[in-house]
Amino acid sequence: MFKTLGNALKVKEIRNGLLFTFFILIVLRLGSHIPVPGLDTEGLSLYLQNKFGEETGSLMNSLTGGSFTQMTIFALSVTPYITSSIIIQLLTIAIPALEELSKDGQEGRKKLNAITRYTTILLAIVESIGLSITFDRSGYMTIKGFLGYALVIVTLTTGSTFVMWLGEKITEYGIGNGISIVLLINIVSRMPGDFANLYQMFMKNKDVVQQIIAGAIIVAVVMLTTVLVVLLQDAERKIPVQYAQKMQGRRLIGGSSSHIPLKVNTSGVIPIIFASSILSVPQIVVNLFDIEVSGVWSKIMQGMNQNNWFSPSMPVASVGAVFYILLVFFFAYFYTSVTFNPMEVANNMKRNGGFVPGIRPGKPTQDYLNKILNYIVFIGATGLIIVALIPVIFNGVFKANVSFGGTSLIIIVGVVIETIKQIESKMIVRNYSGFLND
């Protein structure tokens, strides 16, 4: 990785792209420290951490780089954009007009991107209205009335839209996917504080032997999780495809071989985000409207909070982990079925004279792809669950709560790998260009 980066810095185009990306990230981090006007941000920060729970606060803080609980102008960050992208992607399958746009080449993609942007702004407005109502009811609005509401809503919506625009500029003029880079820097910015908290909890004021053991365990857990994520992100199943020879005019064409790469983690981090979101919705609703729960409902709410899972003091709450696992499996299969169509792939192969060795074209190929896909999705979802639950288990048993968990590490590793691949591809293109110019 460092060798690739060193070689990339020698290329002016890549060097300028990296410098531009670095400049935008500085702007993002500066904006993450500017408080929203019209709010008592100090009191509000404590309120958000206590009212919405550590788990919700950790998730939002991880994705927003600490901006959410500090309630800065970038408090929403790219979370509305991520939600909007997922919604539009799913609706592309359900709405024929959107499906046509997705197949309409570059112009279609431009229109889909525009729809995604408008949906992002709409979601940011809705979230800002909900937050401002909550802040007013809780007494944290320093400017009362319509002006206070308008100030908070406009600031949060504008901040989220500006972050989305900066992300798009990174994609256009910088290096890597801009939105992913924004997420990466937000998550990484929280890590020093997390490691400092772990030091305070398990190493400070302990003897040397205890410090070494605690430090070794922390490093081992982080390294193990990272290695699992790397393996999960890179693993793929290659389906061999052979193309039959045929006469075209006086020439014999075809006879080549290729493969269909099926990633083991076909759905990425989407199942984890969806499952976590569904579990957090009841908690957010209860906290927003100050609903009192008791009896069975109180135990159900405890089970939906990941901080209570695997806790010796709350064994019943771990039932929520079972529900979480089922949700991850469901969304892994659902999202894969939306983004990969075995029937379409099989028909395209048949039209182009391609076939899987040993499998007849058409319906048998479709059934074969379905079988392989179901198998690798199960493995990928299992891997996702293991990676996601490792931090949760340690939090439940040892109360080692940190903002970066399995979800965050999957995002970090995925973004780093994709960015390095993009840099390498730019270098390959440059080398080919130089060869042709010579």
Protein backbone atom coordinates (compact mmCIF):
# COMPACT_ATOMS: atom_id res chain seq x y z
CA MET A 1 0.00 0.00 0.00
CA PHE A 2 2.76 2.48 0.98
CA LYS A 3 4.75 1.61 -2.17
CA THR A 4 1.66 2.30 -4.29
CA LEU A 5 1.12 5.63 -2.52
CA GLY A 6 4.78 6.57 -2.95
CA ASN A 7 4.67 5.88 -6.68
CA ALA A 8 1.35 7.70 -6.99
CA LEU A 9 2.77 10.89 -5.44
CA LYS A 10 5.24 11.06 -8.34
CA VAL A 11 2.33 11.47 -10.77
CA LYS A 12 1.17 15.11 -10.96
CA GLU A 13 -2.50 14.29 -11.67
CA ILE A 14 -2.77 11.89 -8.72
CA ARG A 15 -0.76 14.20 -6.45
CA ASN A 16 -3.09 17.12 -7.22
CA GLY A 17 -6.10 14.88 -6.62
CA LEU A 18 -4.76 13.82 -3.22
CA LEU A 19 -4.02 17.45 -2.26
CA PHE A 20 -7.52 18.51 -3.32
CA THR A 21 -9.06 15.66 -1.30
CA PHE A 22 -6.94 16.61 1.72
CA PHE A 23 -8.07 20.25 1.46
CA ILE A 24 -11.77 19.26 1.33
CA LEU A 25 -11.30 16.99 4.37
CA ILE A 26 -9.84 19.92 6.32
CA VAL A 27 -12.94 21.97 5.45
CA LEU A 28 -15.14 19.09 6.65
CA ARG A 29 -13.35 18.77 9.98
CA LEU A 30 -13.45 22.53 10.56
CA GLY A 31 -17.19 22.56 9.89
CA SER A 32 -17.62 19.71 12.36
CA HIS A 33 -16.63 22.09 15.17
CA ILE A 34 -18.98 25.00 14.35
CA PRO A 35 -22.11 24.78 16.55
CA VAL A 36 -25.62 25.29 15.20
CA PRO A 37 -26.82 28.80 16.12
CA GLY A 38 -29.89 29.09 18.29
CA LEU A 39 -29.15 26.01 20.40
CA ASP A 40 -27.66 25.35 23.83
CA THR A 41 -25.13 22.94 22.35
CA GLU A 42 -23.35 22.10 25.64
CA GLY A 43 -26.53 20.99 27.39
CA LEU A 44 -27.83 19.44 24.18
CA SER A 45 -24.73 17.28 23.80
CA LEU A 46 -25.33 15.66 27.20
CA TYR A 47 -29.05 15.35 26.42
CA LEU A 48 -28.44 13.50 23.15
CA GLN A 49 -25.97 11.08 24.72
CA ASN A 50 -28.32 10.29 27.63
CA LYS A 51 -31.70 10.50 25.90
CA PHE A 52 -30.93 8.58 22.73
CA GLY A 53 -28.64 6.05 24.39
CA GLU A 54 -24.98 5.30 23.98
CA GLU A 55 -25.54 2.88 21.10
CA THR A 56 -27.52 5.34 18.99
CA GLY A 57 -25.11 8.13 19.84
CA SER A 58 -22.12 5.95 18.95
CA LEU A 59 -23.61 4.98 15.59
CA MET A 60 -24.47 8.56 14.63
CA ASN A 61 -21.20 9.92 16.01
CA SER A 62 -19.25 7.35 14.06
CA LEU A 63 -20.96 8.26 10.77
CA THR A 64 -20.85 12.02 11.41
CA GLY A 65 -17.42 12.27 13.05
CA GLY A 66 -18.83 13.42 16.40
CA SER A 67 -20.90 16.19 14.82
CA PHE A 68 -24.27 14.74 15.84
CA THR A 69 -23.98 14.79 19.63
CA GLN A 70 -22.04 18.07 19.45
CA MET A 71 -24.82 19.39 17.17
CA THR A 72 -22.60 21.27 14.75
CA ILE A 73 -23.55 22.56 11.29
CA PHE A 74 -22.52 19.18 9.81
CA ALA A 75 -24.54 17.19 12.38
CA LEU A 76 -26.43 15.24 9.69
CA SER A 77 -23.35 14.87 7.47
CA VAL A 78 -23.94 12.38 4.62
CA THR A 79 -26.48 10.21 6.47
CA PRO A 80 -29.47 11.64 4.49
CA TYR A 81 -27.54 11.02 1.25
CA ILE A 82 -26.81 7.40 2.22
CA THR A 83 -30.46 6.80 3.10
CA SER A 84 -31.57 8.48 -0.12
CA SER A 85 -29.18 6.39 -2.24
CA ILE A 86 -30.45 3.15 -0.70
CA ILE A 87 -34.10 4.18 -1.19
CA ILE A 88 -33.59 5.14 -4.85
CA GLN A 89 -31.63 1.97 -5.53
CA LEU A 90 -34.42 -0.18 -4.11
CA LEU A 91 -37.12 1.82 -5.91
CA THR A 92 -35.25 1.29 -9.18
CA ILE A 93 -36.43 -2.32 -9.09
CA ALA A 94 -40.00 -1.49 -8.05
CA ILE A 95 -40.66 1.50 -10.37
CA PRO A 96 -40.32 0.80 -14.14
CA ALA A 97 -39.52 4.46 -14.96
CA LEU A 98 -36.52 4.44 -12.61
CA GLU A 99 -35.44 1.06 -13.95
CA GLU A 100 -35.42 2.50 -17.48
CA LEU A 101 -33.26 5.41 -16.29
CA SER A 102 -30.77 3.00 -14.72
CA LYS A 103 -30.40 1.26 -18.11
CA ASP A 104 -30.21 4.50 -20.10
CA GLY A 105 -26.43 4.91 -19.93
CA GLN A 106 -24.71 8.03 -18.66
CA GLU A 107 -27.71 10.33 -19.19
CA GLY A 108 -29.92 8.00 -17.17
CA ARG A 109 -27.38 7.88 -14.35
CA LYS A 110 -27.23 11.69 -14.30
CA LYS A 111 -31.00 11.88 -13.86
CA LEU A 112 -30.93 9.24 -11.11
CA ASN A 113 -28.18 11.18 -9.35
CA ALA A 114 -30.30 14.35 -9.55
CA ILE A 115 -33.30 12.48 -8.06
CA THR A 116 -31.03 11.17 -5.29
CA ARG A 117 -29.86 14.73 -4.50
CA TYR A 118 -33.41 16.09 -4.28
CA THR A 119 -34.44 13.16 -2.08
CA THR A 120 -31.41 13.86 0.14
CA ILE A 121 -32.47 17.47 0.65
CA LEU A 122 -36.05 16.37 1.42
CA LEU A 123 -34.84 13.81 3.99
CA ALA A 124 -32.52 16.40 5.57
CA ILE A 125 -35.46 18.82 5.93
CA VAL A 126 -37.65 16.14 7.53
CA GLU A 127 -34.88 15.10 9.95
CA SER A 128 -34.12 18.74 10.80
CA ILE A 129 -37.81 19.44 11.55
CA GLY A 130 -38.01 16.39 13.83
CA LEU A 131 -34.82 17.38 15.69
CA SER A 132 -35.89 21.02 16.10
CA ILE A 133 -39.27 19.97 17.58
CA THR A 134 -37.45 17.69 20.04
CA PHE A 135 -34.98 20.41 21.01
CA ASP A 136 -37.76 22.96 21.56
CA ARG A 137 -39.77 20.56 23.75
CA SER A 138 -36.67 19.80 25.80
CA GLY A 139 -35.82 23.47 26.33
CA TYR A 140 -32.56 23.62 24.40
CA MET A 141 -33.65 26.27 21.86
CA THR A 142 -32.13 29.63 22.80
CA ILE A 143 -34.13 31.40 20.06
CA LYS A 144 -37.84 30.75 20.44
CA GLY A 145 -40.63 30.72 17.89
CA PHE A 146 -40.56 30.48 14.13
CA LEU A 147 -37.14 32.16 13.82
CA GLY A 148 -35.51 29.52 16.04
CA TYR A 149 -37.10 26.66 14.11
CA ALA A 150 -36.14 28.18 10.75
CA LEU A 151 -32.54 28.78 11.88
CA VAL A 152 -32.02 25.17 13.02
CA ILE A 153 -33.78 23.61 10.01
CA VAL A 154 -31.97 25.77 7.43
CA THR A 155 -28.57 25.30 9.11
CA LEU A 156 -28.80 21.51 9.39
CA THR A 157 -30.25 21.07 5.88
CA THR A 158 -27.69 23.42 4.32
CA GLY A 159 -24.87 21.70 6.20
CA SER A 160 -25.92 18.26 4.96
CA THR A 161 -26.34 19.52 1.38
CA PHE A 162 -22.93 21.21 1.51
CA VAL A 163 -21.26 17.99 2.73
CA MET A 164 -22.95 16.09 -0.12
CA TRP A 165 -21.64 18.70 -2.60
CA LEU A 166 -18.11 18.46 -1.16
CA GLY A 167 -18.26 14.67 -1.50
CA GLU A 168 -19.24 14.99 -5.16
CA LYS A 169 -16.35 17.41 -5.75
CA ILE A 170 -13.93 14.87 -4.27
CA THR A 171 -15.28 12.28 -6.72
CA GLU A 172 -14.88 14.74 -9.61
CA TYR A 173 -11.53 16.37 -8.83
CA GLY A 174 -9.98 14.28 -6.06
CA ILE A 175 -9.25 10.62 -5.41
CA GLY A 176 -11.81 7.94 -4.65
CA ASN A 177 -15.56 8.03 -4.09
CA GLY A 178 -16.26 11.32 -2.32
CA ILE A 179 -19.13 10.21 -0.09
CA SER A 180 -17.15 7.14 1.01
CA ILE A 181 -14.10 9.31 1.74
CA VAL A 182 -16.26 11.61 3.90
CA LEU A 183 -17.52 8.60 5.86
CA LEU A 184 -13.97 7.32 6.23
CA ILE A 185 -12.59 10.55 7.70
CA ASN A 186 -15.59 10.87 10.04
CA ILE A 187 -15.06 7.38 11.44
CA VAL A 188 -11.26 7.70 11.69
CA SER A 189 -11.55 11.06 13.48
CA ARG A 190 -13.33 9.31 16.38
CA MET A 191 -10.73 6.58 16.84
CA PRO A 192 -8.15 8.49 18.93
CA GLY A 193 -10.82 9.33 21.49
CA ASP A 194 -12.04 5.72 21.51
CA PHE A 195 -8.55 4.34 22.17
CA ALA A 196 -8.08 6.96 24.89
CA ASN A 197 -11.31 5.75 26.54
CA LEU A 198 -10.11 2.13 26.33
CA TYR A 199 -6.83 3.18 27.97
CA GLN A 200 -8.71 4.94 30.77
CA MET A 201 -10.94 1.92 31.37
CA PHE A 202 -8.50 -0.99 31.18
CA MET A 203 -4.92 0.27 31.47
CA LYS A 204 -4.66 3.45 33.51
CA ASN A 205 -3.46 3.02 37.12
CA LYS A 206 -2.89 -0.71 36.55
CA ASP A 207 0.40 -2.55 37.06
CA VAL A 208 2.68 -3.22 34.09
CA VAL A 209 1.58 -6.84 33.60
CA GLN A 210 -2.12 -5.90 33.55
CA GLN A 211 -1.43 -3.05 31.13
CA ILE A 212 0.46 -5.37 28.77
CA ILE A 213 -2.29 -8.01 28.89
CA ALA A 214 -5.07 -5.44 28.38
CA GLY A 215 -3.17 -3.72 25.56
CA ALA A 216 -2.46 -7.04 23.84
CA ILE A 217 -6.14 -8.06 24.03
CA ILE A 218 -7.31 -4.71 22.61
CA VAL A 219 -4.80 -4.86 19.73
CA ALA A 220 -5.64 -8.53 19.06
CA VAL A 221 -9.39 -7.84 18.88
CA VAL A 222 -8.91 -4.87 16.53
CA MET A 223 -6.46 -6.79 14.33
CA LEU A 224 -8.65 -9.91 14.22
CA THR A 225 -11.70 -7.88 13.25
CA THR A 226 -9.74 -5.98 10.59
CA VAL A 227 -8.34 -9.19 9.07
CA LEU A 228 -11.82 -10.73 8.96
CA VAL A 229 -13.16 -7.61 7.25
CA VAL A 230 -10.36 -7.66 4.64
CA LEU A 231 -11.00 -11.34 3.89
CA LEU A 232 -14.74 -10.69 3.70
CA GLN A 233 -14.36 -7.72 1.35
CA ASP A 234 -11.92 -9.44 -1.05
CA ALA A 235 -13.46 -12.93 -1.13
CA GLU A 236 -15.30 -13.83 -4.32
CA ARG A 237 -16.54 -16.89 -6.18
CA LYS A 238 -15.59 -16.98 -9.87
CA ILE A 239 -18.10 -18.78 -12.10
CA PRO A 240 -16.29 -19.95 -15.28
CA VAL A 241 -17.95 -19.03 -18.58
CA GLN A 242 -17.03 -20.52 -21.97
CA TYR A 243 -18.08 -18.93 -25.27
CA ALA A 244 -18.76 -21.23 -28.22
CA GLN A 245 -17.04 -20.71 -31.57
CA LYS A 246 -19.18 -19.55 -34.48
CA MET A 247 -18.68 -18.33 -38.03
CA GLN A 248 -19.25 -14.66 -38.73
CA GLY A 249 -18.67 -14.03 -42.43
CA ARG A 250 -15.39 -15.73 -43.23
CA ARG A 251 -14.03 -15.45 -39.73
CA LEU A 252 -14.28 -17.87 -36.82
CA ILE A 253 -15.01 -15.94 -33.63
CA GLY A 254 -15.63 -16.95 -30.02
CA GLY A 255 -14.06 -19.83 -28.21
CA SER A 256 -12.80 -17.56 -25.43
CA SER A 257 -13.30 -18.12 -21.72
CA SER A 258 -14.17 -15.70 -18.97
CA HIS A 259 -15.77 -15.75 -15.53
CA ILE A 260 -18.54 -14.11 -13.52
CA PRO A 261 -17.10 -12.68 -10.26
CA LEU A 262 -19.59 -13.06 -7.40
CA LYS A 263 -18.47 -11.27 -4.25
CA VAL A 264 -19.05 -13.24 -1.07
CA ASN A 265 -20.16 -10.05 0.66
CA THR A 266 -22.51 -9.13 -2.18
CA SER A 267 -24.54 -6.62 -0.17
CA GLY A 268 -21.66 -4.83 1.58
CA VAL A 269 -22.56 -3.13 4.85
CA ILE A 270 -26.22 -2.53 3.83
CA PRO A 271 -27.74 -5.43 5.90
CA ILE A 272 -25.95 -4.21 9.04
CA ILE A 273 -27.16 -0.62 8.53
CA PHE A 274 -30.74 -1.73 7.82
CA ALA A 275 -30.88 -4.13 10.80
CA SER A 276 -29.38 -1.53 13.18
CA SER A 277 -31.78 1.14 11.89
CA ILE A 278 -34.86 -1.03 12.43
CA LEU A 279 -33.79 -1.85 15.99
CA SER A 280 -33.08 1.81 16.78
CA VAL A 281 -36.37 3.21 15.41
CA PRO A 282 -38.54 2.18 18.44
CA GLN A 283 -35.96 3.69 20.81
CA ILE A 284 -35.88 6.95 18.87
CA VAL A 285 -39.70 7.17 18.75
CA VAL A 286 -39.98 6.52 22.50
CA ASN A 287 -37.37 9.16 23.27
CA LEU A 288 -38.75 11.75 20.85
CA PHE A 289 -42.29 11.59 22.24
CA ASP A 290 -41.33 10.83 25.87
CA ILE A 291 -43.34 7.60 25.90
CA GLU A 292 -43.15 5.70 29.18
CA VAL A 293 -42.71 1.94 28.83
CA SER A 294 -42.98 -0.68 31.53
CA GLY A 295 -43.40 -4.39 32.05
CA VAL A 296 -42.93 -6.52 28.95
CA TRP A 297 -42.44 -3.48 26.73
CA SER A 298 -39.56 -2.33 28.90
CA LYS A 299 -37.81 -5.69 28.42
CA ILE A 300 -38.45 -5.52 24.67
CA MET A 301 -36.88 -2.06 24.52
CA GLN A 302 -33.87 -3.34 26.48
CA GLY A 303 -33.47 -6.17 23.98
CA MET A 304 -33.41 -3.68 21.10
CA ASN A 305 -30.47 -1.82 22.61
CA GLN A 306 -27.17 -3.40 21.52
CA ASN A 307 -25.46 -2.16 24.69
CA ASN A 308 -27.50 -4.67 26.70
CA TRP A 309 -26.61 -7.71 24.58
CA PHE A 310 -24.32 -10.32 26.16
CA SER A 311 -24.39 -8.39 29.44
CA PRO A 312 -24.25 -10.72 32.48
CA SER A 313 -26.68 -8.42 34.31
CA MET A 314 -29.29 -8.57 31.50
CA PRO A 315 -29.25 -12.09 30.01
CA VAL A 316 -32.80 -11.79 28.62
CA ALA A 317 -31.83 -8.73 26.55
CA SER A 318 -29.53 -10.91 24.44
CA VAL A 319 -32.63 -12.28 22.71
CA GLY A 320 -32.47 -9.03 20.73
CA ALA A 321 -29.21 -10.29 19.19
CA VAL A 322 -31.11 -13.26 17.71
CA PHE A 323 -33.62 -10.88 16.10
CA TYR A 324 -30.69 -8.78 14.82
CA ILE A 325 -29.05 -11.85 13.23
CA LEU A 326 -32.30 -12.81 11.49
CA LEU A 327 -32.65 -9.25 10.15
CA VAL A 328 -29.09 -9.28 8.78
CA PHE A 329 -29.74 -12.56 6.94
CA PHE A 330 -33.05 -11.26 5.58
CA PHE A 331 -31.59 -8.01 4.24
CA ALA A 332 -28.52 -9.78 2.85
CA TYR A 333 -30.72 -12.05 0.72
CA PHE A 334 -33.19 -9.28 -0.10
CA TYR A 335 -30.57 -6.73 -1.22
CA THR A 336 -28.71 -9.35 -3.27
CA SER A 337 -31.94 -10.37 -5.01
CA VAL A 338 -32.53 -6.70 -5.87
CA THR A 339 -29.03 -6.00 -7.23
CA PHE A 340 -28.27 -9.33 -8.98
CA ASN A 341 -30.69 -11.06 -11.35
CA PRO A 342 -29.60 -14.66 -12.21
CA MET A 343 -32.28 -14.95 -14.92
CA GLU A 344 -31.01 -11.82 -16.71
CA VAL A 345 -27.39 -13.00 -16.46
CA ALA A 346 -28.31 -16.46 -17.79
CA ASN A 347 -30.27 -14.98 -20.71
CA ASN A 348 -27.43 -12.60 -21.63
CA MET A 349 -24.97 -15.50 -21.61
CA LYS A 350 -27.27 -17.56 -23.82
CA ARG A 351 -27.69 -14.71 -26.34
CA ASN A 352 -23.93 -14.26 -26.57
CA GLY A 353 -23.20 -17.96 -26.95
CA GLY A 354 -21.82 -18.33 -23.44
CA PHE A 355 -22.34 -21.21 -21.04
CA VAL A 356 -21.06 -22.53 -17.74
CA PRO A 357 -19.05 -25.73 -18.39
CA GLY A 358 -21.17 -28.74 -17.49
CA ILE A 359 -24.39 -26.67 -17.21
CA ARG A 360 -26.93 -26.29 -20.01
CA PRO A 361 -27.76 -22.70 -21.09
CA GLY A 362 -31.04 -21.07 -20.07
CA LYS A 363 -33.07 -22.28 -17.08
CA PRO A 364 -30.44 -24.78 -15.80
CA THR A 365 -27.84 -21.97 -15.75
CA GLN A 366 -30.27 -19.73 -13.88
CA ASP A 367 -30.91 -22.45 -11.28
CA TYR A 368 -27.16 -23.05 -10.94
CA LEU A 369 -26.47 -19.34 -10.38
CA ASN A 370 -29.30 -19.18 -7.83
CA LYS A 371 -27.83 -22.13 -5.94
CA ILE A 372 -24.32 -20.64 -5.88
CA LEU A 373 -25.67 -17.20 -4.96
CA ASN A 374 -27.70 -18.52 -2.02
CA TYR A 375 -24.62 -20.35 -0.76
CA ILE A 376 -22.23 -17.40 -0.90
CA VAL A 377 -24.82 -14.95 0.49
CA PHE A 378 -25.18 -17.22 3.51
CA ILE A 379 -21.40 -17.22 4.00
CA GLY A 380 -21.20 -13.44 3.49
CA ALA A 381 -24.03 -12.73 5.92
CA THR A 382 -22.45 -15.03 8.51
CA GLY A 383 -19.17 -13.16 8.12
CA LEU A 384 -20.95 -9.83 8.50
CA ILE A 385 -22.62 -11.00 11.71
CA ILE A 386 -19.32 -12.22 13.20
CA VAL A 387 -17.58 -8.94 12.40
CA ALA A 388 -20.50 -6.86 13.70
CA LEU A 389 -20.97 -8.82 16.93
CA ILE A 390 -17.31 -8.98 18.05
CA PRO A 391 -17.36 -5.36 19.36
CA VAL A 392 -20.88 -5.84 20.75
CA ILE A 393 -19.80 -8.92 22.74
CA PHE A 394 -16.82 -7.10 24.24
CA ASN A 395 -19.04 -4.12 25.03
CA GLY A 396 -21.59 -6.34 26.75
CA VAL A 397 -19.08 -8.37 28.77
CA PHE A 398 -16.44 -5.72 29.50
CA LYS A 399 -18.39 -2.46 28.86
CA ALA A 400 -15.78 -1.49 26.26
CA ASN A 401 -18.04 0.86 24.32
CA VAL A 402 -16.40 2.50 21.29
CA SER A 403 -17.84 4.36 18.29
CA PHE A 404 -16.01 2.21 15.75
CA GLY A 405 -17.46 -1.27 15.53
CA GLY A 406 -17.82 -3.92 12.88
CA THR A 407 -19.91 -1.62 10.67
CA SER A 408 -17.31 1.14 10.82
CA LEU A 409 -14.42 -1.22 10.10
CA ILE A 410 -16.22 -2.66 7.07
CA ILE A 411 -16.64 0.89 5.73
CA ILE A 412 -12.99 1.79 6.46
CA VAL A 413 -11.52 -1.32 4.85
CA GLY A 414 -13.87 -1.14 1.85
CA VAL A 415 -13.08 2.54 1.19
CA VAL A 416 -9.31 2.06 1.59
CA ILE A 417 -9.26 -0.96 -0.75
CA GLU A 418 -11.38 0.78 -3.41
CA THR A 419 -9.32 4.00 -3.20
CA ILE A 420 -6.04 2.09 -3.62
CA LYS A 421 -7.49 0.22 -6.59
CA GLN A 422 -8.55 3.52 -8.16
CA ILE A 423 -5.07 4.99 -7.67
CA GLU A 424 -3.51 1.88 -9.22
CA SER A 425 -5.88 2.04 -12.19
CA LYS A 426 -4.98 5.70 -12.78
CA MET A 427 -1.30 4.76 -12.73
CA ILE A 428 -1.89 1.91 -15.21
CA VAL A 429 -3.77 4.25 -17.56
CA ARG A 430 -0.94 6.78 -17.30
CA ASN A 431 1.67 4.11 -18.11
CA TYR A 432 -0.31 3.00 -21.16
CA SER A 433 -0.65 6.62 -22.27
CA GLY A 434 3.07 7.16 -21.88
CA PHE A 435 3.81 4.01 -23.89
CA LEU A 436 1.49 5.13 -26.71
CA ASN A 437 2.94 8.64 -26.72
CA ASP A 438 6.44 7.22 -27.09
